[in-house]
């Protein structure tokens, strides 16, 4: 782990200059070499623009070497708690709030329009717009859950998305996508980071937006996004690998929802 003595900040790069978020082992690879814990205390300190994450009084930096400053006290404390919870080694895989905060500062803030465009691209092929043709039990289950969400997004934001059955592509009206753009544009980088992550985890910009706006909690959002999988399990039984994959996705969605709440300073 390197330290930047010039500005008295702590860098999130190890001695090889590799960002911590990249230190994740992939199948067939050796486990990542994690940096040793080198600090005693972690804190969230009020500064101009928010709360700086500090280790023994020195400000943490993101992988692109920006000061790690978050917008709310509650989020700052959650990030500091992640650092405080590290034992002999610092494992970024156990630091979800830190990872999303880094994403907000390094990847979202400098390219807001690209991130918004990516979210809107999900809306163009939103999960909720593509329904099963059969069996009737699945068709009814999708409609019971998804129709309410489409009604909500239409009433709340004026975004009326079309629905189709099967795999035939349906082009959404430009007015609907533009309405969603107006809904998303006011969000700050931290909210956008959470929304983008929720959207990619669920395959639905509508579900992501409903999560951010408090229309759904994490459990309801996960269930809405996985109606097909739940029905398949009921029909054919549970596959261990699929169950493990879904469990990871659910935990990530729960952590993303928690990040969104804290970024908005909602105590939960």
Protein backbone atom coordinates (compact mmCIF):
# COMPACT_ATOMS: atom_id res chain seq x y z
CA UNK A 1 0.00 0.00 0.00
CA UNK A 2 1.48 3.33 -0.98
CA UNK A 3 1.06 6.68 0.69
CA UNK A 4 1.22 10.10 -0.92
CA UNK A 5 3.40 12.21 1.36
CA UNK A 6 3.08 15.26 -0.86
CA UNK A 7 -0.53 16.00 0.07
CA UNK A 8 -0.75 13.79 3.17
CA UNK A 9 -3.39 11.54 1.62
CA UNK A 10 -3.65 7.76 1.56
CA UNK A 11 -3.82 6.12 -1.85
CA UNK A 12 -5.99 3.13 -2.69
CA UNK A 13 -3.22 1.74 -4.92
CA UNK A 14 -0.95 -1.05 -3.83
CA UNK A 15 2.80 -0.99 -4.47
CA UNK A 16 2.31 -2.21 -8.04
CA UNK A 17 0.02 0.73 -8.76
CA UNK A 18 -2.98 -1.52 -9.38
CA UNK A 19 -6.39 -0.21 -8.23
CA UNK A 20 -7.85 -2.15 -5.33
CA UNK A 21 -11.12 -2.69 -7.20
CA UNK A 22 -9.19 -4.75 -9.76
CA UNK A 23 -7.76 -7.07 -7.13
CA UNK A 24 -10.42 -9.74 -7.56
CA UNK A 25 -9.61 -13.32 -8.50
CA UNK A 26 -11.35 -14.81 -11.53
CA UNK A 27 -11.98 -18.52 -12.14
CA UNK A 28 -8.69 -20.29 -12.75
CA UNK A 29 -6.63 -17.47 -11.27
CA UNK A 30 -4.81 -17.32 -7.97
CA UNK A 31 -6.44 -15.45 -5.12
CA UNK A 32 -5.51 -11.73 -5.19
CA UNK A 33 -2.64 -10.47 -3.06
CA UNK A 34 -4.26 -8.07 -0.62
CA UNK A 35 -2.48 -5.13 0.98
CA UNK A 36 -1.85 -5.27 4.72
CA UNK A 37 -3.79 -3.02 7.04
CA UNK A 38 -1.50 -0.14 7.96
CA UNK A 39 -3.76 2.18 10.02
CA UNK A 40 -5.37 2.17 13.45
CA UNK A 41 -8.48 4.30 13.03
CA UNK A 42 -10.92 5.13 10.23
CA UNK A 43 -13.24 8.13 10.38
CA UNK A 44 -15.57 10.34 8.33
CA UNK A 45 -14.49 13.95 8.77
CA UNK A 46 -16.58 16.99 7.74
CA UNK A 47 -14.89 18.91 4.91
CA UNK A 48 -16.01 21.27 2.19
CA UNK A 49 -18.33 19.31 -0.09
CA UNK A 50 -19.18 16.50 2.30
CA UNK A 51 -17.34 14.02 4.50
CA UNK A 52 -13.81 12.81 3.84
CA UNK A 53 -12.85 9.25 4.68
CA UNK A 54 -9.67 9.38 6.72
CA UNK A 55 -7.27 6.77 8.07
CA UNK A 56 -5.34 8.01 11.09
CA UNK A 57 -6.21 11.55 9.98
CA UNK A 58 -5.05 11.16 6.38
CA UNK A 59 -7.62 11.34 3.59
CA UNK A 60 -8.21 8.22 1.50
CA UNK A 61 -7.94 8.56 -2.26
CA UNK A 62 -9.93 6.83 -4.98
CA UNK A 63 -8.18 4.67 -7.62
CA UNK A 64 -7.80 7.78 -9.82
CA UNK A 65 -6.31 9.59 -6.83
CA UNK A 66 -9.19 11.90 -5.96
CA UNK A 67 -10.00 12.54 -2.31
CA UNK A 68 -12.68 10.09 -1.18
CA UNK A 69 -15.39 12.56 -0.13
CA UNK A 70 -19.02 11.45 0.13
CA UNK A 71 -22.12 13.67 0.33
CA UNK A 72 -23.66 12.58 3.64
CA UNK A 73 -22.57 11.82 7.18
CA UNK A 74 -24.38 8.46 7.20
CA UNK A 75 -22.67 7.28 4.03
CA UNK A 76 -19.34 8.56 5.30
CA UNK A 77 -19.74 6.58 8.50
CA UNK A 78 -20.68 3.43 6.55
CA UNK A 79 -17.56 3.73 4.38
CA UNK A 80 -15.38 4.43 7.42
CA UNK A 81 -16.90 1.42 9.17
CA UNK A 82 -15.88 -0.78 6.23
CA UNK A 83 -12.28 0.36 6.62
CA UNK A 84 -12.44 -0.10 10.38
CA UNK A 85 -13.76 -3.64 9.94
CA UNK A 86 -10.72 -4.79 7.95
CA UNK A 87 -8.44 -7.09 9.92
CA UNK A 88 -4.87 -7.98 8.96
CA UNK A 89 -5.47 -7.33 5.25
CA UNK A 90 -7.65 -4.90 3.30
CA UNK A 91 -10.14 -6.82 1.17
CA UNK A 92 -12.06 -4.55 -1.28
CA UNK A 93 -14.53 -7.35 -1.99
CA UNK A 94 -15.95 -6.72 1.49
CA UNK A 95 -16.17 -2.95 1.00
CA UNK A 96 -19.26 -2.41 -1.14
CA UNK A 97 -19.98 1.17 -0.05
CA UNK A 98 -16.36 2.13 -0.69
CA UNK A 99 -16.48 0.55 -4.15
CA UNK A 100 -19.66 2.40 -5.13
CA UNK A 101 -18.32 5.68 -3.74
CA UNK A 102 -15.16 5.22 -5.83
CA UNK A 103 -17.36 4.48 -8.85
CA UNK A 104 -19.38 7.65 -8.29
CA UNK A 105 -16.29 9.85 -8.11
CA UNK A 106 -14.08 8.20 -10.73
CA UNK A 107 -16.50 6.82 -13.32
CA UNK A 108 -19.83 8.62 -12.98
CA UNK A 109 -19.01 12.25 -12.13
CA UNK A 110 -16.69 12.79 -15.15
CA UNK A 111 -19.07 11.08 -17.60
CA UNK A 112 -22.58 11.77 -16.40
CA UNK A 113 -24.15 11.87 -19.85
CA UNK A 114 -22.68 8.50 -20.83
CA UNK A 115 -23.96 6.91 -17.62
CA UNK A 116 -27.43 8.39 -18.10
CA UNK A 117 -27.44 7.19 -21.71
CA UNK A 118 -26.57 3.69 -20.54
CA UNK A 119 -29.43 3.70 -18.03
CA UNK A 120 -31.82 4.88 -20.76
CA UNK A 121 -30.60 2.12 -23.07
CA UNK A 122 -31.92 -0.36 -20.50
CA UNK A 123 -35.26 1.45 -20.58
CA UNK A 124 -35.33 0.97 -24.34
CA UNK A 125 -35.36 -2.81 -23.84
CA UNK A 126 -36.66 -2.87 -20.29
CA UNK A 127 -37.32 -6.24 -18.67
CA UNK A 128 -40.85 -5.13 -17.77
CA UNK A 129 -41.74 -4.55 -21.43
CA UNK A 130 -41.09 -8.14 -22.55
CA UNK A 131 -43.64 -10.66 -21.40
CA UNK A 132 -43.92 -14.40 -21.72
CA UNK A 133 -46.46 -15.74 -24.21
CA UNK A 134 -47.12 -18.83 -22.07
CA UNK A 135 -47.80 -20.57 -19.74
CA UNK A 136 -50.70 -18.56 -18.35
CA UNK A 137 -49.45 -18.85 -14.75
CA UNK A 138 -46.21 -17.04 -15.66
CA UNK A 139 -48.00 -14.50 -17.87
CA UNK A 140 -50.35 -13.65 -15.00
CA UNK A 141 -47.54 -13.42 -12.48
CA UNK A 142 -45.56 -11.00 -14.67
CA UNK A 143 -48.61 -8.83 -15.30
CA UNK A 144 -49.58 -8.69 -11.62
CA UNK A 145 -46.16 -7.30 -10.65
CA UNK A 146 -44.92 -5.45 -13.70
CA UNK A 147 -48.11 -3.64 -14.73
CA UNK A 148 -48.17 -1.79 -11.41
CA UNK A 149 -44.59 -0.60 -11.90
CA UNK A 150 -45.24 0.56 -15.46
CA UNK A 151 -48.34 2.41 -14.26
CA UNK A 152 -46.28 4.05 -11.50
CA UNK A 153 -43.52 5.24 -13.84
CA UNK A 154 -46.12 6.56 -16.29
CA UNK A 155 -48.04 8.45 -13.61
CA UNK A 156 -44.99 9.72 -11.72
CA UNK A 157 -42.75 10.69 -14.63
CA UNK A 158 -44.92 10.59 -17.76
CA UNK A 159 -42.89 7.68 -19.19
CA UNK A 160 -45.35 5.33 -20.85
CA UNK A 161 -43.46 2.25 -21.96
CA UNK A 162 -44.89 -0.21 -24.46
CA UNK A 163 -45.30 -3.90 -23.71
CA UNK A 164 -44.90 -6.88 -26.03
CA UNK A 165 -45.04 -10.66 -25.79
CA UNK A 166 -42.24 -12.97 -26.85
CA UNK A 167 -38.87 -11.83 -28.14
CA UNK A 168 -40.06 -9.43 -30.83
CA UNK A 169 -38.40 -6.04 -30.28
CA UNK A 170 -40.68 -3.10 -29.54
CA UNK A 171 -39.31 0.41 -30.03
CA UNK A 172 -40.19 2.71 -27.18
CA UNK A 173 -41.52 6.15 -28.01
CA UNK A 174 -38.95 8.93 -27.88
CA UNK A 175 -41.26 10.86 -25.53
CA UNK A 176 -41.16 8.02 -22.99
CA UNK A 177 -37.36 7.84 -23.03
CA UNK A 178 -37.10 11.62 -22.81
CA UNK A 179 -39.43 11.60 -19.79
CA UNK A 180 -37.13 9.12 -18.08
CA UNK A 181 -34.15 11.30 -18.95
CA UNK A 182 -35.81 14.24 -17.18
CA UNK A 183 -36.42 12.02 -14.16
CA UNK A 184 -32.81 10.86 -13.98
CA UNK A 185 -30.86 14.02 -14.83
CA UNK A 186 -31.23 15.75 -11.42
CA UNK A 187 -29.52 12.88 -9.58
CA UNK A 188 -26.03 13.46 -8.23
CA UNK A 189 -23.11 11.18 -9.06
CA UNK A 190 -23.68 8.96 -6.01
CA UNK A 191 -27.37 8.49 -6.78
CA UNK A 192 -26.53 7.75 -10.42
CA UNK A 193 -23.92 5.20 -9.38
CA UNK A 194 -26.52 3.41 -7.26
CA UNK A 195 -29.20 3.67 -9.95
CA UNK A 196 -26.90 2.36 -12.67
CA UNK A 197 -25.85 -0.58 -10.52
CA UNK A 198 -29.44 -1.42 -9.59
CA UNK A 199 -30.48 -1.16 -13.24
CA UNK A 200 -27.76 -3.51 -14.43
CA UNK A 201 -28.46 -6.00 -11.62
CA UNK A 202 -32.19 -6.14 -12.44
CA UNK A 203 -32.17 -5.53 -16.19
CA UNK A 204 -34.73 -2.78 -15.69
CA UNK A 205 -34.39 1.00 -15.50
CA UNK A 206 -37.93 1.10 -14.12
CA UNK A 207 -37.09 -1.22 -11.22
CA UNK A 208 -33.87 0.72 -10.57
CA UNK A 209 -35.77 4.01 -10.51
CA UNK A 210 -38.48 2.54 -8.26
CA UNK A 211 -35.76 1.41 -5.85
CA UNK A 212 -34.11 4.84 -5.78
CA UNK A 213 -37.44 6.63 -5.31
CA UNK A 214 -38.58 4.36 -2.51
CA UNK A 215 -41.37 2.70 -4.47
CA UNK A 216 -39.68 -0.68 -3.92
CA UNK A 217 -37.31 -1.97 -1.28
CA UNK A 218 -34.43 -4.28 -2.18
CA UNK A 219 -36.37 -7.50 -1.57
CA UNK A 220 -39.34 -6.38 -3.70
CA UNK A 221 -37.01 -5.14 -6.45
CA UNK A 222 -35.19 -8.47 -6.53
CA UNK A 223 -38.45 -10.41 -6.67
CA UNK A 224 -39.78 -8.20 -9.48
CA UNK A 225 -36.62 -8.74 -11.51
CA UNK A 226 -36.59 -12.51 -11.03
CA UNK A 227 -40.16 -13.62 -11.60
CA UNK A 228 -39.07 -15.93 -14.42
CA UNK A 229 -36.36 -17.56 -12.30
CA UNK A 230 -38.70 -18.04 -9.33
CA UNK A 231 -41.33 -19.64 -11.57
CA UNK A 232 -38.70 -21.95 -13.10
CA UNK A 233 -37.58 -23.07 -9.65
CA UNK A 234 -41.17 -23.85 -8.71
CA UNK A 235 -41.63 -25.90 -11.84
CA UNK A 236 -38.29 -27.73 -12.02
CA UNK A 237 -36.65 -27.44 -8.62
CA UNK A 238 -33.63 -25.45 -7.52
CA UNK A 239 -30.22 -25.70 -9.18
CA UNK A 240 -27.36 -25.15 -6.72
CA UNK A 241 -25.22 -23.04 -9.05
CA UNK A 242 -28.16 -20.88 -10.09
CA UNK A 243 -29.21 -20.47 -6.47
CA UNK A 244 -25.70 -19.32 -5.54
CA UNK A 245 -25.66 -16.85 -8.43
CA UNK A 246 -29.01 -15.40 -7.43
CA UNK A 247 -27.98 -15.16 -3.79
CA UNK A 248 -24.95 -13.08 -4.75
CA UNK A 249 -27.06 -10.84 -6.96
CA UNK A 250 -29.60 -10.33 -4.18
CA UNK A 251 -26.91 -9.38 -1.67
CA UNK A 252 -25.41 -6.91 -4.15
CA UNK A 253 -28.81 -5.35 -4.77
CA UNK A 254 -29.41 -5.04 -1.02
CA UNK A 255 -26.02 -3.37 -0.57
CA UNK A 256 -26.71 -1.04 -3.50
CA UNK A 257 -30.06 -0.04 -1.98
CA UNK A 258 -28.36 0.65 1.34
CA UNK A 259 -25.78 2.80 -0.45
CA UNK A 260 -28.56 4.80 -2.16
CA UNK A 261 -30.36 5.39 1.14
CA UNK A 262 -27.20 6.56 2.86
CA UNK A 263 -26.15 8.76 -0.07
CA UNK A 264 -29.52 10.50 0.37
CA UNK A 265 -28.90 10.66 4.14
CA UNK A 266 -31.84 8.36 4.91
CA UNK A 267 -31.09 6.54 8.16
CA UNK A 268 -31.97 2.85 7.84
